[in-house]
Every structure is written in structure tokens, then in C-alpha cells.
Amino acid sequence: MNRYFRDYTVLLGLGGAIVALDQWTKWLVRTNIPFMGTWLPDWLSWLSPYARIVHWSNSGAAFGSFQNGNTVFTILAILVIIAIFYYYPRVESNDWTLRLAMGLQLGGAAGNLVDRLMMGKVTDFISIGTFAVFNIADSSISVGVVVLLLGVWLKERADQKAAAQTTSTEL
């Protein structure tokens, strides 16, 4: 029981911090920038063609894809959250990359789920170049996927190295 409590404390701590940061930044944007409005401090105006804060909304998936799929993505987010809660305690305690990836993905899914349930769409605000406008939750999900892929790659390398050592000691 103690292990599960500790495991879920780490998961909920990371996920909760991401949701809090995501919701706080979205609130700042909704409160201070009119819809479709742009903001950038004067001293950073030279960055305007490359990066800016834009008040935007999205009824689809991350980075503006699959518009008008709010119901589907609400259900999908709930399923992802349930799956993470189910599988997290089954992950080896030393597999920090998978645990970190799951925490990042939990926070991102939950952050955007809050928007979908409260407003029927997700608030986006980070605009870089011509890339789709996104938010902290989208970033968290994407970084979680990168960490997951990195973890799988590191584990495969370690397994291959261990297999090679086992083979060489047997000869």
C-alpha cells in the first residue's frame, strides 16, 4: 500500500503541477487578450514574426488538427487518463522515463480536458512561426511522447548491451 501511495503521489504531483500551470496561463490569456488578439512586450517586438502570444481556441486535437472533434477528444482524454492511472503502478519503479512520460501525458490530457468540459473547446496561445497555435498541455503531451520514445530507445540499448555481455560470458 505504501508503494502505491508514493507512486500516485509522484504521478499526481507532476500531473497536477502541469494542469495548474496550463490552466493559469490559459486564464491569463482569456482574461487579458481579446479572442484572436496578439500580445508581445514592446522590447520583444522584433520576435513578432517568429513567436507571440495569441488568444485562440481549438475544438480538435493538439496543434489544431481534427477540428470539431471535441466530443471524441473528451472521451479519448478520459480513456487516456484512466489508462495512465491503471498502468502507472505496474511500471517498474526504476523506469523513470516511462513514469515521467506518463506524468507529462496525464497533466496534458487533464489540462485540455478541463477546457473541453468547462468551455467546449481548448484555449491555445503559443504561436511560433507558421506552426499551429498550442498551449502548455499540448507541449506536455508532446514532450511526454519524446520522453517515452527516448526511454524505449535507452531500454532497448541497455537490453542489447546486457544480452551481448551474457553471450560473451557464455563463450
N, C-alpha and C. Protein backbone atom coordinates (compact mmCIF):
# COMPACT_ATOMS: atom_id res chain seq x y z
N MET A 1 0.83 -1.21 0.00
CA MET A 1 0.00 0.00 0.00
C MET A 1 0.86 1.26 0.00
N ASN A 2 1.93 1.25 0.75
CA ASN A 2 2.81 2.41 0.83
C ASN A 2 3.41 2.74 -0.54
N ARG A 3 3.80 1.70 -1.31
CA ARG A 3 4.37 1.92 -2.64
C ARG A 3 3.36 2.59 -3.56
N TYR A 4 2.10 2.13 -3.53
CA TYR A 4 1.08 2.74 -4.39
C TYR A 4 0.84 4.20 -4.03
N PHE A 5 0.82 4.48 -2.74
CA PHE A 5 0.63 5.87 -2.30
C PHE A 5 1.76 6.74 -2.82
N ARG A 6 2.99 6.27 -2.67
CA ARG A 6 4.16 7.02 -3.14
C ARG A 6 4.11 7.17 -4.66
N ASP A 7 3.79 6.07 -5.36
CA ASP A 7 3.72 6.12 -6.82
C ASP A 7 2.70 7.15 -7.30
N TYR A 8 1.52 7.08 -6.76
CA TYR A 8 0.47 8.01 -7.19
C TYR A 8 0.75 9.44 -6.74
N THR A 9 1.46 9.62 -5.64
CA THR A 9 1.81 10.97 -5.19
C THR A 9 2.71 11.65 -6.23
N VAL A 10 3.69 10.90 -6.73
CA VAL A 10 4.58 11.46 -7.76
C VAL A 10 3.80 11.75 -9.04
N LEU A 11 2.99 10.80 -9.48
CA LEU A 11 2.20 10.97 -10.70
C LEU A 11 1.27 12.18 -10.57
N LEU A 12 0.53 12.24 -9.48
CA LEU A 12 -0.42 13.34 -9.28
C LEU A 12 0.28 14.67 -9.05
N GLY A 13 1.45 14.63 -8.42
CA GLY A 13 2.21 15.87 -8.22
C GLY A 13 2.64 16.47 -9.55
N LEU A 14 3.22 15.65 -10.40
CA LEU A 14 3.67 16.14 -11.71
C LEU A 14 2.47 16.54 -12.57
N GLY A 15 1.49 15.64 -12.67
CA GLY A 15 0.31 15.95 -13.47
C GLY A 15 -0.43 17.18 -12.97
N GLY A 16 -0.57 17.28 -11.65
CA GLY A 16 -1.25 18.43 -11.06
C GLY A 16 -0.52 19.74 -11.30
N ALA A 17 0.81 19.72 -11.23
CA ALA A 17 1.59 20.93 -11.49
C ALA A 17 1.41 21.39 -12.93
N ILE A 18 1.36 20.43 -13.85
CA ILE A 18 1.16 20.77 -15.27
C ILE A 18 -0.23 21.34 -15.48
N VAL A 19 -1.24 20.71 -14.89
CA VAL A 19 -2.62 21.23 -15.02
C VAL A 19 -2.70 22.64 -14.45
N ALA A 20 -2.10 22.86 -13.28
CA ALA A 20 -2.15 24.19 -12.65
C ALA A 20 -1.49 25.24 -13.53
N LEU A 21 -0.29 24.94 -14.05
CA LEU A 21 0.40 25.89 -14.92
C LEU A 21 -0.38 26.12 -16.21
N ASP A 22 -0.91 25.06 -16.78
CA ASP A 22 -1.69 25.15 -18.01
C ASP A 22 -2.94 26.01 -17.81
N GLN A 23 -3.69 25.73 -16.77
CA GLN A 23 -4.93 26.47 -16.52
C GLN A 23 -4.65 27.92 -16.15
N TRP A 24 -3.58 28.17 -15.40
CA TRP A 24 -3.24 29.54 -15.02
C TRP A 24 -2.87 30.35 -16.26
N THR A 25 -2.04 29.79 -17.14
CA THR A 25 -1.65 30.53 -18.34
C THR A 25 -2.83 30.75 -19.28
N LYS A 26 -3.71 29.77 -19.39
CA LYS A 26 -4.91 29.94 -20.21
C LYS A 26 -5.82 31.02 -19.63
N TRP A 27 -5.95 31.04 -18.32
CA TRP A 27 -6.77 32.06 -17.66
C TRP A 27 -6.18 33.45 -17.93
N LEU A 28 -4.85 33.58 -17.82
CA LEU A 28 -4.21 34.87 -18.10
C LEU A 28 -4.52 35.33 -19.53
N VAL A 29 -4.44 34.42 -20.47
CA VAL A 29 -4.70 34.76 -21.87
C VAL A 29 -6.16 35.16 -22.05
N ARG A 30 -7.09 34.34 -21.54
CA ARG A 30 -8.53 34.64 -21.71
C ARG A 30 -8.91 35.96 -21.02
N THR A 31 -8.24 36.27 -19.92
CA THR A 31 -8.56 37.48 -19.15
C THR A 31 -7.98 38.74 -19.77
N ASN A 32 -6.80 38.64 -20.37
CA ASN A 32 -6.06 39.83 -20.78
C ASN A 32 -5.94 40.07 -22.28
N ILE A 33 -6.27 39.09 -23.08
CA ILE A 33 -6.13 39.25 -24.53
C ILE A 33 -7.47 38.93 -25.19
N PRO A 34 -8.01 39.83 -26.00
CA PRO A 34 -9.27 39.51 -26.68
C PRO A 34 -9.08 38.34 -27.64
N PHE A 35 -10.18 37.62 -27.88
CA PHE A 35 -10.09 36.47 -28.79
C PHE A 35 -9.52 36.91 -30.13
N MET A 36 -8.57 36.15 -30.63
CA MET A 36 -7.82 36.41 -31.87
C MET A 36 -6.84 37.57 -31.73
N GLY A 37 -6.74 38.14 -30.52
CA GLY A 37 -5.78 39.21 -30.28
C GLY A 37 -4.38 38.64 -30.05
N THR A 38 -3.39 39.50 -30.22
CA THR A 38 -1.99 39.11 -30.08
C THR A 38 -1.33 39.98 -29.03
N TRP A 39 -0.37 39.41 -28.31
CA TRP A 39 0.38 40.17 -27.32
C TRP A 39 1.85 39.80 -27.38
N LEU A 40 2.68 40.79 -27.27
CA LEU A 40 4.12 40.60 -27.15
C LEU A 40 4.67 41.88 -26.53
N PRO A 41 5.52 41.78 -25.52
CA PRO A 41 6.08 43.01 -24.92
C PRO A 41 6.82 43.84 -25.97
N ASP A 42 6.76 45.16 -25.83
CA ASP A 42 7.40 46.04 -26.80
C ASP A 42 8.88 45.72 -27.02
N TRP A 43 9.57 45.41 -25.95
CA TRP A 43 11.01 45.15 -26.07
C TRP A 43 11.31 43.85 -26.83
N LEU A 44 10.27 43.04 -27.07
CA LEU A 44 10.44 41.81 -27.85
C LEU A 44 9.74 41.89 -29.21
N SER A 45 9.37 43.08 -29.63
CA SER A 45 8.62 43.24 -30.88
C SER A 45 9.36 42.65 -32.08
N TRP A 46 10.67 42.62 -32.03
CA TRP A 46 11.45 42.03 -33.12
C TRP A 46 11.15 40.53 -33.29
N LEU A 47 10.60 39.90 -32.24
CA LEU A 47 10.25 38.47 -32.30
C LEU A 47 8.90 38.21 -32.96
N SER A 48 8.13 39.25 -33.18
CA SER A 48 6.75 39.11 -33.65
C SER A 48 6.57 38.20 -34.85
N PRO A 49 7.42 38.21 -35.84
CA PRO A 49 7.20 37.28 -36.96
C PRO A 49 7.46 35.81 -36.57
N TYR A 50 8.16 35.60 -35.48
CA TYR A 50 8.60 34.25 -35.11
C TYR A 50 7.88 33.66 -33.91
N ALA A 51 7.55 34.49 -32.93
CA ALA A 51 6.90 34.00 -31.71
C ALA A 51 6.05 35.11 -31.09
N ARG A 52 4.88 34.74 -30.60
CA ARG A 52 3.98 35.70 -29.97
C ARG A 52 2.91 34.94 -29.19
N ILE A 53 2.19 35.65 -28.35
CA ILE A 53 1.07 35.09 -27.61
C ILE A 53 -0.20 35.49 -28.36
N VAL A 54 -1.02 34.50 -28.72
CA VAL A 54 -2.24 34.74 -29.48
C VAL A 54 -3.39 34.04 -28.76
N HIS A 55 -4.49 34.73 -28.56
CA HIS A 55 -5.66 34.10 -27.94
C HIS A 55 -6.43 33.37 -29.02
N TRP A 56 -6.45 32.06 -28.93
CA TRP A 56 -7.07 31.23 -29.94
C TRP A 56 -7.81 30.10 -29.25
N SER A 57 -8.69 29.42 -29.96
CA SER A 57 -9.34 28.25 -29.39
C SER A 57 -9.32 27.12 -30.42
N ASN A 58 -9.53 25.91 -29.91
CA ASN A 58 -9.37 24.72 -30.72
C ASN A 58 -10.40 23.69 -30.25
N SER A 59 -11.17 23.17 -31.17
CA SER A 59 -12.15 22.13 -30.81
C SER A 59 -11.68 20.75 -31.28
N GLY A 60 -10.41 20.67 -31.68
CA GLY A 60 -9.87 19.41 -32.16
C GLY A 60 -8.77 18.89 -31.26
N ALA A 61 -7.78 18.28 -31.89
CA ALA A 61 -6.66 17.69 -31.15
C ALA A 61 -5.54 18.71 -31.02
N ALA A 62 -4.43 18.25 -30.47
CA ALA A 62 -3.27 19.11 -30.27
C ALA A 62 -2.84 19.76 -31.57
N PHE A 63 -2.39 21.01 -31.46
CA PHE A 63 -1.85 21.78 -32.57
C PHE A 63 -2.86 22.02 -33.69
N GLY A 64 -4.14 22.06 -33.33
CA GLY A 64 -5.18 22.45 -34.27
C GLY A 64 -5.64 21.38 -35.25
N SER A 65 -5.22 20.16 -35.07
CA SER A 65 -5.64 19.11 -36.01
C SER A 65 -7.01 18.54 -35.63
N PHE A 66 -7.72 18.00 -36.60
CA PHE A 66 -9.02 17.35 -36.41
C PHE A 66 -10.05 18.27 -35.73
N GLN A 67 -10.27 19.42 -36.31
CA GLN A 67 -11.22 20.39 -35.75
C GLN A 67 -12.62 19.80 -35.62
N ASN A 68 -13.38 20.33 -34.69
CA ASN A 68 -14.76 19.94 -34.40
C ASN A 68 -14.89 18.50 -33.88
N GLY A 69 -13.85 18.01 -33.23
CA GLY A 69 -13.89 16.68 -32.67
C GLY A 69 -13.90 16.71 -31.16
N ASN A 70 -14.50 17.75 -30.57
CA ASN A 70 -14.45 17.95 -29.12
C ASN A 70 -14.97 16.75 -28.34
N THR A 71 -16.10 16.19 -28.74
CA THR A 71 -16.67 15.05 -28.01
C THR A 71 -15.75 13.84 -28.08
N VAL A 72 -15.23 13.56 -29.26
CA VAL A 72 -14.31 12.43 -29.43
C VAL A 72 -13.07 12.62 -28.56
N PHE A 73 -12.50 13.84 -28.57
CA PHE A 73 -11.27 14.08 -27.81
C PHE A 73 -11.52 14.17 -26.31
N THR A 74 -12.73 14.53 -25.92
CA THR A 74 -13.09 14.48 -24.49
C THR A 74 -13.09 13.04 -24.02
N ILE A 75 -13.73 12.16 -24.76
CA ILE A 75 -13.78 10.74 -24.41
C ILE A 75 -12.38 10.14 -24.45
N LEU A 76 -11.61 10.48 -25.48
CA LEU A 76 -10.25 9.97 -25.60
C LEU A 76 -9.38 10.41 -24.41
N ALA A 77 -9.50 11.66 -24.00
CA ALA A 77 -8.72 12.15 -22.85
C ALA A 77 -9.09 11.39 -21.58
N ILE A 78 -10.37 11.14 -21.39
CA ILE A 78 -10.81 10.39 -20.20
C ILE A 78 -10.23 8.98 -20.24
N LEU A 79 -10.26 8.33 -21.40
CA LEU A 79 -9.70 6.98 -21.54
C LEU A 79 -8.19 6.96 -21.29
N VAL A 80 -7.49 7.96 -21.80
CA VAL A 80 -6.04 8.06 -21.59
C VAL A 80 -5.74 8.23 -20.10
N ILE A 81 -6.48 9.09 -19.44
CA ILE A 81 -6.28 9.32 -18.00
C ILE A 81 -6.53 8.03 -17.21
N ILE A 82 -7.59 7.33 -17.54
CA ILE A 82 -7.89 6.05 -16.86
C ILE A 82 -6.76 5.05 -17.11
N ALA A 83 -6.30 4.96 -18.35
CA ALA A 83 -5.22 4.02 -18.68
C ALA A 83 -3.94 4.35 -17.92
N ILE A 84 -3.62 5.63 -17.83
CA ILE A 84 -2.42 6.03 -17.09
C ILE A 84 -2.54 5.65 -15.62
N PHE A 85 -3.68 5.92 -15.01
CA PHE A 85 -3.87 5.54 -13.61
C PHE A 85 -3.80 4.03 -13.41
N TYR A 86 -4.28 3.27 -14.38
CA TYR A 86 -4.25 1.82 -14.28
C TYR A 86 -2.82 1.27 -14.43
N TYR A 87 -2.09 1.74 -15.43
CA TYR A 87 -0.78 1.17 -15.74
C TYR A 87 0.36 1.75 -14.91
N TYR A 88 0.23 2.94 -14.40
CA TYR A 88 1.33 3.60 -13.70
C TYR A 88 1.93 2.75 -12.57
N PRO A 89 1.14 2.19 -11.67
CA PRO A 89 1.76 1.39 -10.60
C PRO A 89 2.37 0.08 -11.09
N ARG A 90 2.09 -0.31 -12.31
CA ARG A 90 2.65 -1.54 -12.86
C ARG A 90 4.01 -1.33 -13.53
N VAL A 91 4.39 -0.06 -13.68
CA VAL A 91 5.68 0.28 -14.28
C VAL A 91 6.76 0.08 -13.22
N GLU A 92 7.87 -0.51 -13.63
CA GLU A 92 8.98 -0.70 -12.70
C GLU A 92 9.38 0.64 -12.09
N SER A 93 9.66 0.62 -10.80
CA SER A 93 9.96 1.88 -10.10
C SER A 93 11.24 2.54 -10.60
N ASN A 94 12.15 1.77 -11.21
CA ASN A 94 13.38 2.39 -11.73
C ASN A 94 13.24 2.86 -13.18
N ASP A 95 12.09 2.66 -13.79
CA ASP A 95 11.86 3.12 -15.17
C ASP A 95 11.37 4.57 -15.14
N TRP A 96 12.29 5.46 -14.81
CA TRP A 96 11.93 6.87 -14.62
C TRP A 96 11.44 7.54 -15.91
N THR A 97 11.93 7.10 -17.08
CA THR A 97 11.49 7.75 -18.32
C THR A 97 10.02 7.47 -18.59
N LEU A 98 9.60 6.23 -18.38
CA LEU A 98 8.19 5.90 -18.60
C LEU A 98 7.31 6.60 -17.57
N ARG A 99 7.75 6.65 -16.33
CA ARG A 99 6.98 7.33 -15.29
C ARG A 99 6.87 8.83 -15.57
N LEU A 100 7.97 9.43 -15.99
CA LEU A 100 7.95 10.85 -16.34
C LEU A 100 7.04 11.09 -17.54
N ALA A 101 7.14 10.25 -18.55
CA ALA A 101 6.30 10.39 -19.75
C ALA A 101 4.82 10.30 -19.38
N MET A 102 4.48 9.34 -18.52
CA MET A 102 3.08 9.17 -18.12
C MET A 102 2.59 10.39 -17.33
N GLY A 103 3.43 10.94 -16.46
CA GLY A 103 3.05 12.14 -15.71
C GLY A 103 2.82 13.33 -16.62
N LEU A 104 3.71 13.51 -17.60
CA LEU A 104 3.56 14.61 -18.56
C LEU A 104 2.29 14.44 -19.38
N GLN A 105 2.03 13.22 -19.83
CA GLN A 105 0.84 12.98 -20.64
C GLN A 105 -0.44 13.10 -19.82
N LEU A 106 -0.39 12.66 -18.56
CA LEU A 106 -1.55 12.84 -17.68
C LEU A 106 -1.86 14.32 -17.50
N GLY A 107 -0.85 15.11 -17.18
CA GLY A 107 -1.06 16.55 -16.99
C GLY A 107 -1.59 17.23 -18.24
N GLY A 108 -1.04 16.86 -19.39
CA GLY A 108 -1.50 17.46 -20.65
C GLY A 108 -2.93 17.07 -20.98
N ALA A 109 -3.23 15.78 -20.86
CA ALA A 109 -4.60 15.32 -21.16
C ALA A 109 -5.60 15.96 -20.21
N ALA A 110 -5.26 16.02 -18.93
CA ALA A 110 -6.18 16.61 -17.95
C ALA A 110 -6.33 18.12 -18.15
N GLY A 111 -5.24 18.79 -18.48
CA GLY A 111 -5.31 20.24 -18.71
C GLY A 111 -6.27 20.60 -19.84
N ASN A 112 -6.15 19.89 -20.95
CA ASN A 112 -7.05 20.16 -22.07
C ASN A 112 -8.46 19.64 -21.80
N LEU A 113 -8.59 18.56 -21.01
CA LEU A 113 -9.91 18.03 -20.65
C LEU A 113 -10.70 19.06 -19.83
N VAL A 114 -10.04 19.76 -18.93
CA VAL A 114 -10.71 20.80 -18.14
C VAL A 114 -11.34 21.83 -19.08
N ASP A 115 -10.58 22.27 -20.07
CA ASP A 115 -11.11 23.25 -21.04
C ASP A 115 -12.30 22.68 -21.81
N ARG A 116 -12.17 21.45 -22.27
CA ARG A 116 -13.24 20.84 -23.07
C ARG A 116 -14.53 20.72 -22.25
N LEU A 117 -14.40 20.33 -20.99
CA LEU A 117 -15.59 20.16 -20.15
C LEU A 117 -16.19 21.50 -19.72
N MET A 118 -15.35 22.50 -19.48
CA MET A 118 -15.83 23.79 -18.99
C MET A 118 -16.29 24.73 -20.12
N MET A 119 -15.61 24.66 -21.27
CA MET A 119 -15.90 25.64 -22.33
C MET A 119 -16.25 25.02 -23.67
N GLY A 120 -16.11 23.71 -23.79
CA GLY A 120 -16.41 23.06 -25.06
C GLY A 120 -15.32 23.21 -26.11
N LYS A 121 -14.21 23.79 -25.74
CA LYS A 121 -13.06 23.95 -26.64
C LYS A 121 -11.83 24.23 -25.78
N VAL A 122 -10.67 24.13 -26.39
CA VAL A 122 -9.40 24.32 -25.69
C VAL A 122 -8.83 25.68 -26.05
N THR A 123 -8.34 26.40 -25.04
CA THR A 123 -7.68 27.68 -25.27
C THR A 123 -6.23 27.42 -25.66
N ASP A 124 -5.81 27.97 -26.78
CA ASP A 124 -4.43 27.90 -27.24
C ASP A 124 -3.86 29.30 -27.28
N PHE A 125 -2.54 29.44 -27.14
CA PHE A 125 -1.99 30.79 -27.10
C PHE A 125 -0.53 30.91 -27.52
N ILE A 126 0.21 29.84 -27.63
CA ILE A 126 1.62 29.93 -28.00
C ILE A 126 1.70 29.82 -29.52
N SER A 127 2.21 30.86 -30.16
CA SER A 127 2.31 30.89 -31.61
C SER A 127 3.77 31.07 -31.99
N ILE A 128 4.30 30.10 -32.71
CA ILE A 128 5.69 30.14 -33.14
C ILE A 128 5.72 29.98 -34.65
N GLY A 129 6.19 31.00 -35.34
CA GLY A 129 6.27 30.97 -36.80
C GLY A 129 4.92 30.69 -37.42
N THR A 130 4.90 29.78 -38.35
CA THR A 130 3.65 29.41 -39.03
C THR A 130 3.08 28.11 -38.47
N PHE A 131 3.68 27.60 -37.40
CA PHE A 131 3.21 26.38 -36.74
C PHE A 131 1.86 26.64 -36.09
N ALA A 132 1.05 25.61 -35.92
CA ALA A 132 -0.27 25.76 -35.28
C ALA A 132 -0.11 26.31 -33.85
N VAL A 133 -1.08 27.08 -33.41
CA VAL A 133 -1.08 27.65 -32.07
C VAL A 133 -1.33 26.51 -31.07
N PHE A 134 -0.62 26.53 -29.95
CA PHE A 134 -0.73 25.46 -28.97
C PHE A 134 -0.68 26.01 -27.55
N ASN A 135 -0.65 25.14 -26.55
CA ASN A 135 -0.66 25.56 -25.15
C ASN A 135 0.28 24.67 -24.33
N ILE A 136 0.31 24.91 -23.03
CA ILE A 136 1.18 24.15 -22.12
C ILE A 136 0.79 22.67 -22.13
N ALA A 137 -0.50 22.36 -22.12
CA ALA A 137 -0.95 20.96 -22.10
C ALA A 137 -0.50 20.23 -23.37
N ASP A 138 -0.66 20.87 -24.51
CA ASP A 138 -0.20 20.26 -25.77
C ASP A 138 1.30 19.99 -25.70
N SER A 139 2.05 20.96 -25.20
CA SER A 139 3.50 20.81 -25.07
C SER A 139 3.84 19.65 -24.15
N SER A 140 3.12 19.54 -23.06
CA SER A 140 3.37 18.47 -22.09
C SER A 140 3.13 17.10 -22.71
N ILE A 141 2.07 16.98 -23.48
CA ILE A 141 1.79 15.71 -24.16
C ILE A 141 2.92 15.40 -25.15
N SER A 142 3.34 16.38 -25.93
CA SER A 142 4.39 16.17 -26.93
C SER A 142 5.72 15.82 -26.28
N VAL A 143 6.09 16.54 -25.23
CA VAL A 143 7.34 16.23 -24.52
C VAL A 143 7.23 14.84 -23.89
N GLY A 144 6.05 14.48 -23.39
CA GLY A 144 5.85 13.15 -22.84
C GLY A 144 6.08 12.06 -23.87
N VAL A 145 5.64 12.28 -25.09
CA VAL A 145 5.87 11.30 -26.17
C VAL A 145 7.37 11.20 -26.47
N VAL A 146 8.06 12.33 -26.52
CA VAL A 146 9.51 12.31 -26.78
C VAL A 146 10.24 11.57 -25.66
N VAL A 147 9.87 11.84 -24.41
CA VAL A 147 10.49 11.15 -23.27
C VAL A 147 10.20 9.65 -23.35
N LEU A 148 8.98 9.30 -23.71
CA LEU A 148 8.62 7.89 -23.86
C LEU A 148 9.49 7.21 -24.92
N LEU A 149 9.63 7.83 -26.08
CA LEU A 149 10.45 7.27 -27.15
C LEU A 149 11.92 7.18 -26.72
N LEU A 150 12.41 8.20 -26.05
CA LEU A 150 13.77 8.17 -25.53
C LEU A 150 13.95 7.02 -24.54
N GLY A 151 12.98 6.84 -23.66
CA GLY A 151 13.04 5.76 -22.69
C GLY A 151 13.05 4.39 -23.33
N VAL A 152 12.22 4.21 -24.35
CA VAL A 152 12.18 2.93 -25.07
C VAL A 152 13.53 2.68 -25.73
N TRP A 153 14.08 3.70 -26.35
CA TRP A 153 15.38 3.58 -27.01
C TRP A 153 16.48 3.23 -26.00
N LEU A 154 16.50 3.93 -24.86
CA LEU A 154 17.51 3.65 -23.82
C LEU A 154 17.36 2.23 -23.27
N LYS A 155 16.12 1.79 -23.07
CA LYS A 155 15.89 0.44 -22.55
C LYS A 155 16.33 -0.61 -23.55
N GLU A 156 16.03 -0.39 -24.83
CA GLU A 156 16.47 -1.33 -25.86
C GLU A 156 17.98 -1.42 -25.92
N ARG A 157 18.65 -0.29 -25.82
CA ARG A 157 20.13 -0.28 -25.83
C ARG A 157 20.67 -1.03 -24.63
N ALA A 158 20.09 -0.80 -23.46
CA ALA A 158 20.55 -1.49 -22.25
C ALA A 158 20.31 -2.99 -22.37
N ASP A 159 19.16 -3.38 -22.89
CA ASP A 159 18.85 -4.80 -23.07
C ASP A 159 19.82 -5.45 -24.07
N GLN A 160 20.12 -4.75 -25.16
CA GLN A 160 21.06 -5.28 -26.15
C GLN A 160 22.45 -5.43 -25.56
N LYS A 161 22.85 -4.44 -24.76
CA LYS A 161 24.17 -4.50 -24.12
C LYS A 161 24.23 -5.66 -23.13
N ALA A 162 23.17 -5.85 -22.35
CA ALA A 162 23.12 -6.95 -21.39
C ALA A 162 23.14 -8.30 -22.11
N ALA A 163 22.41 -8.39 -23.22
CA ALA A 163 22.38 -9.63 -24.00
C ALA A 163 23.76 -9.93 -24.59
N ALA A 164 24.43 -8.90 -25.06
CA ALA A 164 25.76 -9.07 -25.63
C ALA A 164 26.76 -9.52 -24.56
N GLN A 165 26.65 -8.97 -23.37
CA GLN A 165 27.53 -9.36 -22.26
C GLN A 165 27.26 -10.80 -21.83
N THR A 166 25.99 -11.17 -21.80
CA THR A 166 25.63 -12.54 -21.43
C THR A 166 26.17 -13.53 -22.46
N THR A 167 26.05 -13.20 -23.73
CA THR A 167 26.54 -14.04 -24.80
C THR A 167 28.06 -14.18 -24.73
N SER A 168 28.76 -13.08 -24.46
CA SER A 168 30.23 -13.11 -24.43
C SER A 168 30.74 -13.89 -23.21
N THR A 169 30.02 -13.87 -22.11
CA THR A 169 30.46 -14.64 -20.92
C THR A 169 30.17 -16.12 -21.08
N GLU A 170 29.20 -16.47 -21.90
CA GLU A 170 28.87 -17.87 -22.13
C GLU A 170 29.89 -18.54 -23.05
N LEU A 171 30.53 -17.75 -23.89
CA LEU A 171 31.50 -18.30 -24.84
C LEU A 171 32.78 -18.51 -24.11
